[in-house]
C-alpha atoms as a PDB file:
ATOM      1  CA  MET A   1     -41.262 -12.352 -37.457  1.00  0.00           C
ATOM      2  CA  THR A   2     -40.660  -8.664 -37.142  1.00  0.00           C
ATOM      3  CA  ASN A   3     -42.229  -8.650 -33.674  1.00  0.00           C
ATOM      4  CA  GLN A   4     -39.868 -11.261 -32.242  1.00  0.00           C
ATOM      5  CA  PRO A   5     -36.615  -9.256 -32.515  1.00  0.00           C
ATOM      6  CA  ALA A   6     -38.343  -6.262 -30.952  1.00  0.00           C
ATOM      7  CA  ASP A   7     -39.530  -8.427 -28.028  1.00  0.00           C
ATOM      8  CA  ASN A   8     -36.044  -9.854 -27.545  1.00  0.00           C
ATOM      9  CA  SER A   9     -34.488  -6.375 -27.433  1.00  0.00           C
ATOM     10  CA  THR A  10     -36.982  -5.200 -24.797  1.00  0.00           C
ATOM     11  CA  ASP A  11     -36.300  -8.323 -22.712  1.00  0.00           C
ATOM     12  CA  GLN A  12     -32.588  -7.611 -22.862  1.00  0.00           C
ATOM     13  CA  ALA A  13     -33.116  -3.951 -21.979  1.00  0.00           C
ATOM     14  CA  THR A  14     -35.101  -4.849 -18.865  1.00  0.00           C
ATOM     15  CA  ALA A  15     -32.587  -7.549 -17.885  1.00  0.00           C
ATOM     16  CA  GLU A  16     -29.564  -5.213 -17.995  1.00  0.00           C
ATOM     17  CA  PRO A  17     -30.419  -2.972 -15.006  1.00  0.00           C
ATOM     18  CA  THR A  18     -30.846  -5.987 -12.717  1.00  0.00           C
ATOM     19  CA  GLN A  19     -27.454  -7.306 -13.815  1.00  0.00           C
ATOM     20  CA  THR A  20     -25.653  -3.986 -13.248  1.00  0.00           C
ATOM     21  CA  GLN A  21     -27.037  -3.435  -9.747  1.00  0.00           C
ATOM     22  CA  PRO A  22     -24.949  -6.233  -8.186  1.00  0.00           C
ATOM     23  CA  ASP A  23     -21.959  -4.950 -10.168  1.00  0.00           C
ATOM     24  CA  ASP A  24     -22.498  -1.474  -8.680  1.00  0.00           C
ATOM     25  CA  ALA A  25     -22.647  -2.921  -5.164  1.00  0.00           C
ATOM     26  CA  ALA A  26     -19.487  -4.948  -5.783  1.00  0.00           C
ATOM     27  CA  ALA A  27     -17.737  -1.851  -7.139  1.00  0.00           C
ATOM     28  CA  ALA A  28     -18.776   0.154  -4.077  1.00  0.00           C
ATOM     29  CA  ARG A  29     -17.415  -2.571  -1.782  1.00  0.00           C
ATOM     30  CA  ALA A  30     -14.156  -2.667  -3.727  1.00  0.00           C
ATOM     31  CA  VAL A  31     -13.749   1.102  -3.452  1.00  0.00           C
ATOM     32  CA  LYS A  32     -14.483   1.017   0.286  1.00  0.00           C
ATOM     33  CA  ARG A  33     -12.028  -1.850   0.788  1.00  0.00           C
ATOM     34  CA  GLY A  34      -9.364  -0.040  -1.239  1.00  0.00           C
ATOM     35  CA  GLY A  35      -9.873   3.166   0.737  1.00  0.00           C
ATOM     36  CA  SER A  36      -9.614   1.264   4.001  1.00  0.00           C
ATOM     37  CA  LEU A  37      -6.416  -0.394   2.812  1.00  0.00           C
ATOM     38  CA  VAL A  38      -4.849   2.948   1.851  1.00  0.00           C
ATOM     39  CA  ALA A  39      -5.855   4.459   5.214  1.00  0.00           C
ATOM     40  CA  ALA A  40      -4.355   1.472   7.057  1.00  0.00           C
ATOM     41  CA  VAL A  41      -1.077   1.796   5.145  1.00  0.00           C
ATOM     42  CA  ILE A  42      -0.900   5.512   5.998  1.00  0.00           C
ATOM     43  CA  VAL A  43      -1.560   4.896   9.703  1.00  0.00           C
ATOM     44  CA  LEU A  44       0.961   2.040   9.885  1.00  0.00           C
ATOM     45  CA  SER A  45       3.647   4.076   8.125  1.00  0.00           C
ATOM     46  CA  LEU A  46       3.072   6.979  10.547  1.00  0.00           C
ATOM     47  CA  ILE A  47       3.390   4.646  13.549  1.00  0.00           C
ATOM     48  CA  TRP A  48       6.556   3.106  12.074  1.00  0.00           C
ATOM     49  CA  TYR A  49       8.045   6.558  11.418  1.00  0.00           C
ATOM     50  CA  LEU A  50       7.392   7.721  14.983  1.00  0.00           C
ATOM     51  CA  ALA A  51       8.752   4.504  16.512  1.00  0.00           C
ATOM     52  CA  ALA A  52      11.824   4.498  14.285  1.00  0.00           C
ATOM     53  CA  ASP A  53      12.594   8.118  15.147  1.00  0.00           C
ATOM     54  CA  ARG A  54      12.484   7.226  18.839  1.00  0.00           C
ATOM     55  CA  PHE A  55      15.247   4.594  18.519  1.00  0.00           C
ATOM     56  CA  THR A  56      17.272   5.962  15.586  1.00  0.00           C
ATOM     57  CA  PRO A  57      16.822   9.720  15.261  1.00  0.00           C
ATOM     58  CA  TYR A  58      17.613  11.124  11.837  1.00  0.00           C
ATOM     59  CA  THR A  59      19.184  14.492  11.109  1.00  0.00           C
ATOM     60  CA  SER A  60      20.457  15.950   7.876  1.00  0.00           C
ATOM     61  CA  GLN A  61      24.026  15.589   9.181  1.00  0.00           C
ATOM     62  CA  ALA A  62      24.215  12.149  10.761  1.00  0.00           C
ATOM     63  CA  ARG A  63      22.407   9.101  12.094  1.00  0.00           C
ATOM     64  CA  ILE A  64      22.843   7.809  15.590  1.00  0.00           C
ATOM     65  CA  GLU A  65      21.591   4.655  17.217  1.00  0.00           C
ATOM     66  CA  GLY A  66      20.506   4.697  20.823  1.00  0.00           C
ATOM     67  CA  TYR A  67      17.751   5.791  23.113  1.00  0.00           C
ATOM     68  CA  VAL A  68      16.843   9.452  23.138  1.00  0.00           C
ATOM     69  CA  VAL A  69      17.001  10.869  26.646  1.00  0.00           C
ATOM     70  CA  GLY A  70      15.805  14.340  27.503  1.00  0.00           C
ATOM     71  CA  VAL A  71      18.192  16.425  29.576  1.00  0.00           C
ATOM     72  CA  ALA A  72      16.762  18.824  32.134  1.00  0.00           C
ATOM     73  CA  PRO A  73      18.489  20.929  34.774  1.00  0.00           C
ATOM     74  CA  LYS A  74      18.066  20.036  38.442  1.00  0.00           C
ATOM     75  CA  VAL A  75      17.419  23.645  39.342  1.00  0.00           C
ATOM     76  CA  ALA A  76      14.255  25.641  39.050  1.00  0.00           C
ATOM     77  CA  GLY A  77      14.350  28.700  36.854  1.00  0.00           C
ATOM     78  CA  LEU A  78      16.254  29.816  33.804  1.00  0.00           C
ATOM     79  CA  VAL A  79      19.907  28.833  33.295  1.00  0.00           C
ATOM     80  CA  THR A  80      21.676  32.002  32.133  1.00  0.00           C
ATOM     81  CA  GLN A  81      25.315  30.949  32.305  1.00  0.00           C
ATOM     82  CA  VAL A  82      27.318  27.719  32.395  1.00  0.00           C
ATOM     83  CA  TRP A  83      30.802  27.907  33.930  1.00  0.00           C
ATOM     84  CA  VAL A  84      32.395  25.206  31.751  1.00  0.00           C
ATOM     85  CA  SER A  85      33.389  25.030  28.103  1.00  0.00           C
ATOM     86  CA  ASN A  86      33.206  22.208  25.586  1.00  0.00           C
ATOM     87  CA  ASN A  87      35.403  19.164  26.302  1.00  0.00           C
ATOM     88  CA  HIS A  88      36.325  20.239  29.865  1.00  0.00           C
ATOM     89  CA  ARG A  89      36.059  17.847  32.790  1.00  0.00           C
ATOM     90  CA  VAL A  90      33.627  18.671  35.516  1.00  0.00           C
ATOM     91  CA  ALA A  91      34.225  17.374  39.041  1.00  0.00           C
ATOM     92  CA  GLY A  92      31.282  16.529  40.812  1.00  0.00           C
END
């Protein structure tokens, strides 16, 4: 009778590593899936931020809605002086 409990404990000890190996593989898959999900959320939020800033630029002073259009002079070189002031009409 004393040999039977010892045999049962050795059977259980050898059975445990085979049971934990699938658990380790499942845990590794879960970690990989979670990491992929976090990376996807980061990439999507970056794309959303860049797209949203294109249509509704944000500053610390105000929000505006409209397309952002770059303004460039029609002359080559450096503009050193502008002959009009703010809120003056320009004929043209």
